[in-house]
């Protein structure tokens, strides 16, 4: 077990490392929230677009796959996909291999948004390079 699970062996330095890591995560997330909203999307909408575009091995994803990537409930992702569809960012297609499956694809507008926002996020990640590192937590 890691020392994080044993408060009695947690040193002041360990708290400082965790605090700094959480702080840098929050800096990045706040940046992401603000830049997404400035581009007319919610952070969750951007994440959905990113996960569709970035799904390994293909340029679409199922709702179930997106729910896993977003760590959300299936019904919540269905509602998110519907909102993105209304905005013209994604489209649902019947699965080519399995007609019961629904594939979520980006539209041209969705690809444009994700490209612009991903570039801004990449630039911010470059600024955080070396700061946004998980703390090295030794095993007890």
Protein backbone atom coordinates (compact mmCIF):
# COMPACT_ATOMS: atom_id res chain seq x y z
CA UNK A 1 0.00 0.00 0.00
CA UNK A 2 1.19 3.52 -0.66
CA UNK A 3 2.01 5.92 2.13
CA UNK A 4 -0.95 8.05 1.04
CA UNK A 5 -3.25 5.47 2.64
CA UNK A 6 -1.40 5.61 5.95
CA UNK A 7 -1.73 9.10 7.45
CA UNK A 8 0.59 8.18 10.30
CA UNK A 9 3.53 7.78 7.89
CA UNK A 10 2.68 10.86 5.86
CA UNK A 11 5.38 13.51 6.03
CA UNK A 12 4.96 17.26 5.66
CA UNK A 13 6.81 17.07 2.34
CA UNK A 14 4.24 14.53 1.06
CA UNK A 15 1.43 16.98 1.79
CA UNK A 16 3.35 19.73 0.03
CA UNK A 17 3.84 17.55 -3.07
CA UNK A 18 0.16 16.60 -3.19
CA UNK A 19 -0.90 20.18 -2.61
CA UNK A 20 1.31 21.45 -5.43
CA UNK A 21 0.05 18.73 -7.80
CA UNK A 22 -3.59 19.53 -7.01
CA UNK A 23 -2.86 23.23 -7.44
CA UNK A 24 -1.29 22.72 -10.88
CA UNK A 25 -4.19 20.46 -11.92
CA UNK A 26 -6.62 23.19 -10.86
CA UNK A 27 -4.66 25.84 -12.78
CA UNK A 28 -4.93 23.72 -15.91
CA UNK A 29 -8.61 22.91 -15.38
CA UNK A 30 -9.49 26.53 -14.76
CA UNK A 31 -7.66 27.54 -17.93
CA UNK A 32 -9.59 24.84 -19.81
CA UNK A 33 -12.93 25.97 -18.39
CA UNK A 34 -12.30 29.58 -19.35
CA UNK A 35 -10.97 28.93 -22.85
CA UNK A 36 -13.85 26.54 -23.63
CA UNK A 37 -16.45 29.06 -22.50
CA UNK A 38 -14.72 31.81 -24.50
CA UNK A 39 -15.19 29.60 -27.58
CA UNK A 40 -18.87 29.00 -26.83
CA UNK A 41 -18.58 25.48 -25.43
CA UNK A 42 -18.78 23.99 -21.99
CA UNK A 43 -15.72 22.12 -20.76
CA UNK A 44 -17.70 18.86 -20.96
CA UNK A 45 -18.67 19.53 -24.58
CA UNK A 46 -15.01 20.07 -25.44
CA UNK A 47 -14.04 16.87 -23.64
CA UNK A 48 -16.65 14.93 -25.59
CA UNK A 49 -15.32 16.32 -28.88
CA UNK A 50 -11.76 15.56 -27.83
CA UNK A 51 -12.59 11.97 -26.90
CA UNK A 52 -14.40 11.36 -30.18
CA UNK A 53 -11.52 12.82 -32.20
CA UNK A 54 -8.90 11.13 -30.04
CA UNK A 55 -10.48 7.70 -29.70
CA UNK A 56 -7.72 5.13 -30.33
CA UNK A 57 -7.71 3.58 -33.78
CA UNK A 58 -10.71 5.37 -35.28
CA UNK A 59 -12.42 8.75 -35.62
CA UNK A 60 -15.68 7.90 -33.85
CA UNK A 61 -16.77 6.41 -30.53
CA UNK A 62 -19.84 4.84 -28.99
CA UNK A 63 -21.77 6.39 -26.13
CA UNK A 64 -20.50 3.66 -23.82
CA UNK A 65 -16.90 4.37 -24.77
CA UNK A 66 -17.44 8.08 -24.25
CA UNK A 67 -19.07 7.44 -20.88
CA UNK A 68 -15.94 5.57 -19.80
CA UNK A 69 -13.62 8.31 -21.09
CA UNK A 70 -15.69 11.02 -19.39
CA UNK A 71 -16.22 8.90 -16.26
CA UNK A 72 -19.94 9.63 -16.55
CA UNK A 73 -23.18 7.70 -16.57
CA UNK A 74 -24.46 6.42 -19.92
CA UNK A 75 -27.69 8.46 -19.76
CA UNK A 76 -25.74 11.64 -18.99
CA UNK A 77 -23.55 11.13 -22.05
CA UNK A 78 -26.62 10.50 -24.20
CA UNK A 79 -27.94 13.92 -23.09
CA UNK A 80 -24.54 15.53 -23.73
CA UNK A 81 -24.39 14.00 -27.22
CA UNK A 82 -27.90 15.32 -27.90
CA UNK A 83 -26.87 18.85 -26.88
CA UNK A 84 -23.76 18.65 -29.06
CA UNK A 85 -25.86 17.31 -31.93
CA UNK A 86 -28.25 20.28 -31.59
CA UNK A 87 -25.21 22.60 -31.86
CA UNK A 88 -24.09 20.84 -35.04
CA UNK A 89 -20.91 19.47 -33.45
CA UNK A 90 -21.58 15.74 -33.70
CA UNK A 91 -23.82 13.33 -35.52
CA UNK A 92 -25.10 9.90 -34.66
CA UNK A 93 -24.69 7.11 -37.22
CA UNK A 94 -25.86 3.53 -37.18
CA UNK A 95 -22.94 1.17 -36.63
CA UNK A 96 -21.47 -0.32 -39.80
CA UNK A 97 -20.54 -3.63 -38.17
CA UNK A 98 -23.36 -3.83 -35.65
CA UNK A 99 -26.56 -2.05 -36.66
CA UNK A 100 -27.63 -1.91 -32.98
CA UNK A 101 -24.60 0.23 -32.18
CA UNK A 102 -24.65 4.01 -32.50
CA UNK A 103 -21.45 5.72 -33.58
CA UNK A 104 -20.78 9.32 -32.58
CA UNK A 105 -18.90 11.26 -35.28
CA UNK A 106 -17.69 14.86 -35.34
CA UNK A 107 -19.08 17.21 -37.94
CA UNK A 108 -16.87 19.71 -39.72
CA UNK A 109 -17.79 22.30 -37.12
CA UNK A 110 -16.98 19.86 -34.31
CA UNK A 111 -13.57 19.11 -35.84
CA UNK A 112 -12.90 22.84 -36.18
CA UNK A 113 -13.75 23.50 -32.52
CA UNK A 114 -11.70 20.61 -31.19
CA UNK A 115 -8.69 21.56 -33.33
CA UNK A 116 -8.74 25.16 -32.10
CA UNK A 117 -9.23 24.24 -28.46
CA UNK A 118 -6.72 21.37 -28.51
CA UNK A 119 -4.06 23.76 -29.84
CA UNK A 120 -4.76 26.19 -26.98
CA UNK A 121 -4.65 23.35 -24.45
CA UNK A 122 -1.37 22.10 -25.92
CA UNK A 123 0.14 25.55 -25.48
CA UNK A 124 -1.01 25.68 -21.85
CA UNK A 125 0.38 22.20 -21.19
CA UNK A 126 3.74 23.39 -22.54
CA UNK A 127 3.69 26.23 -20.01
CA UNK A 128 2.96 23.73 -17.24
CA UNK A 129 5.65 21.27 -18.35
CA UNK A 130 7.60 20.21 -15.30
CA UNK A 131 4.94 21.55 -12.94
CA UNK A 132 2.09 19.17 -13.73
CA UNK A 133 3.82 16.02 -12.58
CA UNK A 134 2.23 13.47 -10.26
CA UNK A 135 4.08 13.37 -6.96
CA UNK A 136 6.41 10.46 -6.38
CA UNK A 137 4.70 8.61 -3.55
CA UNK A 138 6.82 5.82 -2.11
CA UNK A 139 5.28 2.52 -1.09
CA UNK A 140 5.12 1.95 2.66
